[in-house]
Amino acid sequence: MEEMIYRIIAIIGLILIISGTLLISAKKKRVKRRYIYPLLIAGGICLEIYSIYIQDLIFIILQAVFIVTSIYGLIKYHEHKHK
């Protein structure tokens, strides 16, 4: 049962990251980037939880970098938006 919960968390993370990536690549004007970065961050956190559960060091590092990069993108978006 525990393993199934972590797999569900991983699936949710994948769905969030894929959704955010598709929204970025679609370049729709009506979809604001401020809504995309939280999807990427939440998805990264979900996959980080799963990677810690499976104890895969490379995946843990990859997800940590992805989360930091997404947070950086959100910060840069807000800085650009308020100028």
PDB file of N, CA and C in Angstrom:
ATOM      1  N   MET A   1       0.830  -1.201   0.000  1.00  0.00           N
ATOM      2  CA  MET A   1       0.000   0.000   0.000  1.00  0.00           C
ATOM      3  C   MET A   1       0.870   1.259   0.000  1.00  0.00           C
ATOM      4  N   GLU A   2       1.937   1.246   0.801  1.00  0.00           N
ATOM      5  CA  GLU A   2       2.828   2.407   0.876  1.00  0.00           C
ATOM      6  C   GLU A   2       3.454   2.704  -0.478  1.00  0.00           C
ATOM      7  N   GLU A   3       3.889   1.644  -1.158  1.00  0.00           N
ATOM      8  CA  GLU A   3       4.503   1.830  -2.474  1.00  0.00           C
ATOM      9  C   GLU A   3       3.510   2.438  -3.463  1.00  0.00           C
ATOM     10  N   MET A   4       2.254   2.030  -3.384  1.00  0.00           N
ATOM     11  CA  MET A   4       1.227   2.553  -4.286  1.00  0.00           C
ATOM     12  C   MET A   4       1.016   4.051  -4.061  1.00  0.00           C
ATOM     13  N   ILE A   5       1.056   4.490  -2.826  1.00  0.00           N
ATOM     14  CA  ILE A   5       0.898   5.918  -2.509  1.00  0.00           C
ATOM     15  C   ILE A   5       2.024   6.723  -3.154  1.00  0.00           C
ATOM     16  N   TYR A   6       3.255   6.232  -3.047  1.00  0.00           N
ATOM     17  CA  TYR A   6       4.387   6.946  -3.631  1.00  0.00           C
ATOM     18  C   TYR A   6       4.321   6.938  -5.159  1.00  0.00           C
ATOM     19  N   ARG A   7       3.821   5.873  -5.727  1.00  0.00           N
ATOM     20  CA  ARG A   7       3.661   5.828  -7.195  1.00  0.00           C
ATOM     21  C   ARG A   7       2.594   6.820  -7.645  1.00  0.00           C
ATOM     22  N   ILE A   8       1.538   6.956  -6.876  1.00  0.00           N
ATOM     23  CA  ILE A   8       0.501   7.942  -7.197  1.00  0.00           C
ATOM     24  C   ILE A   8       1.073   9.352  -7.106  1.00  0.00           C
ATOM     25  N   ILE A   9       1.876   9.610  -6.082  1.00  0.00           N
ATOM     26  CA  ILE A   9       2.541  10.913  -5.958  1.00  0.00           C
ATOM     27  C   ILE A   9       3.417  11.169  -7.179  1.00  0.00           C
ATOM     28  N   ALA A  10       4.150  10.156  -7.628  1.00  0.00           N
ATOM     29  CA  ALA A  10       5.005  10.294  -8.808  1.00  0.00           C
ATOM     30  C   ALA A  10       4.177  10.567 -10.060  1.00  0.00           C
ATOM     31  N   ILE A  11       3.071   9.878 -10.210  1.00  0.00           N
ATOM     32  CA  ILE A  11       2.204  10.085 -11.373  1.00  0.00           C
ATOM     33  C   ILE A  11       1.642  11.503 -11.373  1.00  0.00           C
ATOM     34  N   ILE A  12       1.229  11.981 -10.216  1.00  0.00           N
ATOM     35  CA  ILE A  12       0.731  13.356 -10.109  1.00  0.00           C
ATOM     36  C   ILE A  12       1.836  14.336 -10.496  1.00  0.00           C
ATOM     37  N   GLY A  13       3.048  14.075 -10.020  1.00  0.00           N
ATOM     38  CA  GLY A  13       4.184  14.926 -10.372  1.00  0.00           C
ATOM     39  C   GLY A  13       4.430  14.961 -11.868  1.00  0.00           C
ATOM     40  N   LEU A  14       4.383  13.801 -12.498  1.00  0.00           N
ATOM     41  CA  LEU A  14       4.567  13.741 -13.950  1.00  0.00           C
ATOM     42  C   LEU A  14       3.483  14.519 -14.688  1.00  0.00           C
ATOM     43  N   ILE A  15       2.251  14.356 -14.251  1.00  0.00           N
ATOM     44  CA  ILE A  15       1.138  15.065 -14.898  1.00  0.00           C
ATOM     45  C   ILE A  15       1.316  16.576 -14.758  1.00  0.00           C
ATOM     46  N   LEU A  16       1.727  17.033 -13.580  1.00  0.00           N
ATOM     47  CA  LEU A  16       1.915  18.468 -13.369  1.00  0.00           C
ATOM     48  C   LEU A  16       3.054  19.016 -14.235  1.00  0.00           C
ATOM     49  N   ILE A  17       4.163  18.308 -14.285  1.00  0.00           N
ATOM     50  CA  ILE A  17       5.300  18.772 -15.086  1.00  0.00           C
ATOM     51  C   ILE A  17       4.968  18.734 -16.575  1.00  0.00           C
ATOM     52  N   ILE A  18       4.329  17.678 -17.024  1.00  0.00           N
ATOM     53  CA  ILE A  18       3.948  17.596 -18.434  1.00  0.00           C
ATOM     54  C   ILE A  18       2.968  18.718 -18.785  1.00  0.00           C
ATOM     55  N   SER A  19       2.010  18.974 -17.908  1.00  0.00           N
ATOM     56  CA  SER A  19       1.044  20.054 -18.148  1.00  0.00           C
ATOM     57  C   SER A  19       1.741  21.403 -18.253  1.00  0.00           C
ATOM     58  N   GLY A  20       2.624  21.684 -17.306  1.00  0.00           N
ATOM     59  CA  GLY A  20       3.365  22.952 -17.335  1.00  0.00           C
ATOM     60  C   GLY A  20       4.223  23.086 -18.573  1.00  0.00           C
ATOM     61  N   THR A  21       4.882  22.011 -18.968  1.00  0.00           N
ATOM     62  CA  THR A  21       5.737  22.032 -20.153  1.00  0.00           C
ATOM     63  C   THR A  21       4.920  22.246 -21.422  1.00  0.00           C
ATOM     64  N   LEU A  22       3.778  21.582 -21.516  1.00  0.00           N
ATOM     65  CA  LEU A  22       2.914  21.773 -22.687  1.00  0.00           C
ATOM     66  C   LEU A  22       2.382  23.198 -22.761  1.00  0.00           C
ATOM     67  N   LEU A  23       2.044  23.773 -21.609  1.00  0.00           N
ATOM     68  CA  LEU A  23       1.562  25.155 -21.602  1.00  0.00           C
ATOM     69  C   LEU A  23       2.659  26.127 -22.033  1.00  0.00           C
ATOM     70  N   ILE A  24       3.885  25.869 -21.615  1.00  0.00           N
ATOM     71  CA  ILE A  24       5.003  26.726 -22.028  1.00  0.00           C
ATOM     72  C   ILE A  24       5.216  26.602 -23.536  1.00  0.00           C
ATOM     73  N   SER A  25       5.231  25.380 -24.038  1.00  0.00           N
ATOM     74  CA  SER A  25       5.517  25.178 -25.455  1.00  0.00           C
ATOM     75  C   SER A  25       4.368  25.634 -26.345  1.00  0.00           C
ATOM     76  N   ALA A  26       3.141  25.691 -25.823  1.00  0.00           N
ATOM     77  CA  ALA A  26       1.997  26.150 -26.609  1.00  0.00           C
ATOM     78  C   ALA A  26       2.058  27.652 -26.839  1.00  0.00           C
ATOM     79  N   LYS A  27       2.742  28.366 -25.964  1.00  0.00           N
ATOM     80  CA  LYS A  27       2.898  29.828 -26.060  1.00  0.00           C
ATOM     81  C   LYS A  27       1.558  30.539 -26.199  1.00  0.00           C
ATOM     82  N   LYS A  28       0.599  30.079 -25.457  1.00  0.00           N
ATOM     83  CA  LYS A  28      -0.706  30.723 -25.488  1.00  0.00           C
ATOM     84  C   LYS A  28      -0.635  32.025 -24.699  1.00  0.00           C
ATOM     85  N   LYS A  29      -1.117  33.076 -25.289  1.00  0.00           N
ATOM     86  CA  LYS A  29      -1.085  34.387 -24.632  1.00  0.00           C
ATOM     87  C   LYS A  29      -1.993  34.427 -23.413  1.00  0.00           C
ATOM     88  N   ARG A  30      -3.084  33.678 -23.464  1.00  0.00           N
ATOM     89  CA  ARG A  30      -4.035  33.736 -22.354  1.00  0.00           C
ATOM     90  C   ARG A  30      -3.568  32.958 -21.131  1.00  0.00           C
ATOM     91  N   VAL A  31      -2.594  32.069 -21.296  1.00  0.00           N
ATOM     92  CA  VAL A  31      -2.053  31.328 -20.157  1.00  0.00           C
ATOM     93  C   VAL A  31      -0.840  32.083 -19.644  1.00  0.00           C
ATOM     94  N   LYS A  32      -0.962  32.610 -18.462  1.00  0.00           N
ATOM     95  CA  LYS A  32       0.127  33.406 -17.897  1.00  0.00           C
ATOM     96  C   LYS A  32       1.156  32.508 -17.231  1.00  0.00           C
ATOM     97  N   ARG A  33       2.405  32.894 -17.369  1.00  0.00           N
ATOM     98  CA  ARG A  33       3.491  32.093 -16.812  1.00  0.00           C
ATOM     99  C   ARG A  33       3.400  31.971 -15.300  1.00  0.00           C
ATOM    100  N   ARG A  34       2.767  32.905 -14.649  1.00  0.00           N
ATOM    101  CA  ARG A  34       2.664  32.804 -13.187  1.00  0.00           C
ATOM    102  C   ARG A  34       1.860  31.585 -12.770  1.00  0.00           C
ATOM    103  N   TYR A  35       1.056  31.049 -13.686  1.00  0.00           N
ATOM    104  CA  TYR A  35       0.302  29.830 -13.402  1.00  0.00           C
ATOM    105  C   TYR A  35       1.077  28.576 -13.781  1.00  0.00           C
ATOM    106  N   ILE A  36       2.076  28.734 -14.634  1.00  0.00           N
ATOM    107  CA  ILE A  36       2.841  27.584 -15.105  1.00  0.00           C
ATOM    108  C   ILE A  36       3.900  27.170 -14.095  1.00  0.00           C
ATOM    109  N   TYR A  37       4.631  28.132 -13.550  1.00  0.00           N
ATOM    110  CA  TYR A  37       5.716  27.799 -12.624  1.00  0.00           C
ATOM    111  C   TYR A  37       5.247  27.022 -11.394  1.00  0.00           C
ATOM    112  N   PRO A  38       4.114  27.381 -10.786  1.00  0.00           N
ATOM    113  CA  PRO A  38       3.651  26.557  -9.656  1.00  0.00           C
ATOM    114  C   PRO A  38       3.374  25.096 -10.045  1.00  0.00           C
ATOM    115  N   LEU A  39       2.905  24.869 -11.270  1.00  0.00           N
ATOM    116  CA  LEU A  39       2.709  23.493 -11.734  1.00  0.00           C
ATOM    117  C   LEU A  39       4.043  22.758 -11.777  1.00  0.00           C
ATOM    118  N   LEU A  40       5.047  23.426 -12.331  1.00  0.00           N
ATOM    119  CA  LEU A  40       6.375  22.811 -12.435  1.00  0.00           C
ATOM    120  C   LEU A  40       6.981  22.554 -11.055  1.00  0.00           C
ATOM    121  N   ILE A  41       6.837  23.512 -10.164  1.00  0.00           N
ATOM    122  CA  ILE A  41       7.393  23.367  -8.808  1.00  0.00           C
ATOM    123  C   ILE A  41       6.693  22.237  -8.060  1.00  0.00           C
ATOM    124  N   ALA A  42       5.365  22.218  -8.102  1.00  0.00           N
ATOM    125  CA  ALA A  42       4.611  21.162  -7.413  1.00  0.00           C
ATOM    126  C   ALA A  42       4.934  19.792  -7.995  1.00  0.00           C
ATOM    127  N   GLY A  43       5.032  19.709  -9.316  1.00  0.00           N
ATOM    128  CA  GLY A  43       5.393  18.449  -9.952  1.00  0.00           C
ATOM    129  C   GLY A  43       6.785  17.998  -9.559  1.00  0.00           C
ATOM    130  N   GLY A  44       7.719  18.952  -9.509  1.00  0.00           N
ATOM    131  CA  GLY A  44       9.087  18.633  -9.094  1.00  0.00           C
ATOM    132  C   GLY A  44       9.147  18.133  -7.662  1.00  0.00           C
ATOM    133  N   ILE A  45       8.353  18.746  -6.795  1.00  0.00           N
ATOM    134  CA  ILE A  45       8.316  18.311  -5.389  1.00  0.00           C
ATOM    135  C   ILE A  45       7.756  16.897  -5.277  1.00  0.00           C
ATOM    136  N   CYS A  46       6.693  16.623  -6.027  1.00  0.00           N
ATOM    137  CA  CYS A  46       6.120  15.270  -6.010  1.00  0.00           C
ATOM    138  C   CYS A  46       7.151  14.238  -6.467  1.00  0.00           C
ATOM    139  N   LEU A  47       7.852  14.542  -7.552  1.00  0.00           N
ATOM    140  CA  LEU A  47       8.853  13.596  -8.041  1.00  0.00           C
ATOM    141  C   LEU A  47      10.073  13.526  -7.115  1.00  0.00           C
ATOM    142  N   GLU A  48      10.365  14.613  -6.416  1.00  0.00           N
ATOM    143  CA  GLU A  48      11.458  14.578  -5.424  1.00  0.00           C
ATOM    144  C   GLU A  48      11.088  13.629  -4.284  1.00  0.00           C
ATOM    145  N   ILE A  49       9.844  13.704  -3.837  1.00  0.00           N
ATOM    146  CA  ILE A  49       9.379  12.794  -2.780  1.00  0.00           C
ATOM    147  C   ILE A  49       9.530  11.342  -3.238  1.00  0.00           C
ATOM    148  N   TYR A  50       9.116  11.074  -4.467  1.00  0.00           N
ATOM    149  CA  TYR A  50       9.221   9.713  -4.999  1.00  0.00           C
ATOM    150  C   TYR A  50      10.680   9.289  -5.146  1.00  0.00           C
ATOM    151  N   SER A  51      11.530  10.182  -5.626  1.00  0.00           N
ATOM    152  CA  SER A  51      12.939   9.815  -5.818  1.00  0.00           C
ATOM    153  C   SER A  51      13.631   9.545  -4.484  1.00  0.00           C
ATOM    154  N   ILE A  52      13.223  10.255  -3.446  1.00  0.00           N
ATOM    155  CA  ILE A  52      13.766   9.971  -2.109  1.00  0.00           C
ATOM    156  C   ILE A  52      13.272   8.603  -1.633  1.00  0.00           C
ATOM    157  N   TYR A  53      11.999   8.314  -1.914  1.00  0.00           N
ATOM    158  CA  TYR A  53      11.443   7.017  -1.527  1.00  0.00           C
ATOM    159  C   TYR A  53      12.196   5.869  -2.194  1.00  0.00           C
ATOM    160  N   ILE A  54      12.494   6.001  -3.487  1.00  0.00           N
ATOM    161  CA  ILE A  54      13.193   4.916  -4.190  1.00  0.00           C
ATOM    162  C   ILE A  54      14.709   4.989  -3.990  1.00  0.00           C
ATOM    163  N   GLN A  55      15.175   6.029  -3.326  1.00  0.00           N
ATOM    164  CA  GLN A  55      16.588   6.212  -2.968  1.00  0.00           C
ATOM    165  C   GLN A  55      17.513   6.209  -4.192  1.00  0.00           C
ATOM    166  N   ASP A  56      17.098   6.954  -5.219  1.00  0.00           N
ATOM    167  CA  ASP A  56      17.905   7.087  -6.431  1.00  0.00           C
ATOM    168  C   ASP A  56      18.603   8.439  -6.383  1.00  0.00           C
ATOM    169  N   LEU A  57      19.897   8.431  -6.072  1.00  0.00           N
ATOM    170  CA  LEU A  57      20.649   9.661  -5.852  1.00  0.00           C
ATOM    171  C   LEU A  57      20.655  10.573  -7.075  1.00  0.00           C
ATOM    172  N   ILE A  58      20.812  10.005  -8.254  1.00  0.00           N
ATOM    173  CA  ILE A  58      20.837  10.831  -9.469  1.00  0.00           C
ATOM    174  C   ILE A  58      19.479  11.500  -9.675  1.00  0.00           C
ATOM    175  N   PHE A  59      18.413  10.767  -9.479  1.00  0.00           N
ATOM    176  CA  PHE A  59      17.071  11.312  -9.626  1.00  0.00           C
ATOM    177  C   PHE A  59      16.789  12.368  -8.552  1.00  0.00           C
ATOM    178  N   ILE A  60      17.277  12.148  -7.343  1.00  0.00           N
ATOM    179  CA  ILE A  60      17.115  13.118  -6.256  1.00  0.00           C
ATOM    180  C   ILE A  60      17.786  14.434  -6.637  1.00  0.00           C
ATOM    181  N   ILE A  61      19.015  14.360  -7.116  1.00  0.00           N
ATOM    182  CA  ILE A  61      19.752  15.566  -7.513  1.00  0.00           C
ATOM    183  C   ILE A  61      19.065  16.246  -8.694  1.00  0.00           C
ATOM    184  N   LEU A  62      18.664  15.465  -9.679  1.00  0.00           N
ATOM    185  CA  LEU A  62      17.981  16.010 -10.852  1.00  0.00           C
ATOM    186  C   LEU A  62      16.732  16.778 -10.442  1.00  0.00           C
ATOM    187  N   GLN A  63      15.922  16.204  -9.582  1.00  0.00           N
ATOM    188  CA  GLN A  63      14.689  16.859  -9.163  1.00  0.00           C
ATOM    189  C   GLN A  63      14.965  18.096  -8.324  1.00  0.00           C
ATOM    190  N   ALA A  64      15.990  18.046  -7.489  1.00  0.00           N
ATOM    191  CA  ALA A  64      16.345  19.219  -6.689  1.00  0.00           C
ATOM    192  C   ALA A  64      16.744  20.380  -7.602  1.00  0.00           C
ATOM    193  N   VAL A  65      17.542  20.085  -8.615  1.00  0.00           N
ATOM    194  CA  VAL A  65      17.948  21.120  -9.569  1.00  0.00           C
ATOM    195  C   VAL A  65      16.726  21.635 -10.334  1.00  0.00           C
ATOM    196  N   PHE A  66      15.829  20.737 -10.726  1.00  0.00           N
ATOM    197  CA  PHE A  66      14.617  21.139 -11.440  1.00  0.00           C
ATOM    198  C   PHE A  66      13.769  22.079 -10.580  1.00  0.00           C
ATOM    199  N   ILE A  67      13.608  21.755  -9.304  1.00  0.00           N
ATOM    200  CA  ILE A  67      12.811  22.595  -8.401  1.00  0.00           C
ATOM    201  C   ILE A  67      13.448  23.968  -8.247  1.00  0.00           C
ATOM    202  N   VAL A  68      14.758  24.005  -8.021  1.00  0.00           N
ATOM    203  CA  VAL A  68      15.464  25.276  -7.867  1.00  0.00           C
ATOM    204  C   VAL A  68      15.351  26.104  -9.143  1.00  0.00           C
ATOM    205  N   THR A  69      15.503  25.473 -10.290  1.00  0.00           N
ATOM    206  CA  THR A  69      15.394  26.168 -11.566  1.00  0.00           C
ATOM    207  C   THR A  69      13.983  26.727 -11.770  1.00  0.00           C
ATOM    208  N   SER A  70      12.980  25.976 -11.407  1.00  0.00           N
ATOM    209  CA  SER A  70      11.598  26.443 -11.537  1.00  0.00           C
ATOM    210  C   SER A  70      11.320  27.611 -10.593  1.00  0.00           C
ATOM    211  N   ILE A  71      11.831  27.541  -9.386  1.00  0.00           N
ATOM    212  CA  ILE A  71      11.672  28.650  -8.435  1.00  0.00           C
ATOM    213  C   ILE A  71      12.381  29.888  -8.964  1.00  0.00           C
ATOM    214  N   TYR A  72      13.586  29.705  -9.518  1.00  0.00           N
ATOM    215  CA  TYR A  72      14.325  30.812 -10.109  1.00  0.00           C
ATOM    216  C   TYR A  72      13.526  31.438 -11.257  1.00  0.00           C
ATOM    217  N   GLY A  73      12.917  30.611 -12.106  1.00  0.00           N
ATOM    218  CA  GLY A  73      12.099  31.114 -13.197  1.00  0.00           C
ATOM    219  C   GLY A  73      10.918  31.921 -12.692  1.00  0.00           C
ATOM    220  N   LEU A  74      10.289  31.462 -11.624  1.00  0.00           N
ATOM    221  CA  LEU A  74       9.165  32.186 -11.029  1.00  0.00           C
ATOM    222  C   LEU A  74       9.620  33.538 -10.476  1.00  0.00           C
ATOM    223  N   ILE A  75      10.753  33.553  -9.801  1.00  0.00           N
ATOM    224  CA  ILE A  75      11.294  34.804  -9.255  1.00  0.00           C
ATOM    225  C   ILE A  75      11.614  35.779 -10.389  1.00  0.00           C
ATOM    226  N   LYS A  76      12.276  35.292 -11.434  1.00  0.00           N
ATOM    227  CA  LYS A  76      12.620  36.154 -12.567  1.00  0.00           C
ATOM    228  C   LYS A  76      11.356  36.673 -13.249  1.00  0.00           C
ATOM    229  N   TYR A  77      10.333  35.845 -13.334  1.00  0.00           N
ATOM    230  CA  TYR A  77       9.063  36.281 -13.923  1.00  0.00           C
ATOM    231  C   TYR A  77       8.490  37.442 -13.122  1.00  0.00           C
ATOM    232  N   HIS A  78       8.470  37.311 -11.791  1.00  0.00           N
ATOM    233  CA  HIS A  78       7.921  38.368 -10.946  1.00  0.00           C
ATOM    234  C   HIS A  78       8.766  39.638 -11.013  1.00  0.00           C
ATOM    235  N   GLU A  79      10.089  39.485 -11.084  1.00  0.00           N
ATOM    236  CA  GLU A  79      10.954  40.659 -11.206  1.00  0.00           C
ATOM    237  C   GLU A  79      10.697  41.374 -12.526  1.00  0.00           C
ATOM    238  N   HIS A  80      10.560  40.624 -13.597  1.00  0.00           N
ATOM    239  CA  HIS A  80      10.314  41.207 -14.924  1.00  0.00           C
ATOM    240  C   HIS A  80       8.930  41.872 -14.980  1.00  0.00           C
ATOM    241  N   LYS A  81       7.972  41.238 -14.331  1.00  0.00           N
ATOM    242  CA  LYS A  81       6.599  41.724 -14.359  1.00  0.00           C
ATOM    243  C   LYS A  81       6.445  43.044 -13.585  1.00  0.00           C
ATOM    244  N   HIS A  82       7.257  43.258 -12.553  1.00  0.00           N
ATOM    245  CA  HIS A  82       7.134  44.448 -11.707  1.00  0.00           C
ATOM    246  C   HIS A  82       8.057  45.577 -12.127  1.00  0.00           C
ATOM    247  N   LYS A  83       8.694  45.450 -13.270  1.00  0.00           N
ATOM    248  CA  LYS A  83       9.569  46.531 -13.751  1.00  0.00           C
ATOM    249  C   LYS A  83       8.824  47.441 -14.676  1.00  0.00           C
TER     250      LYS A  83
END
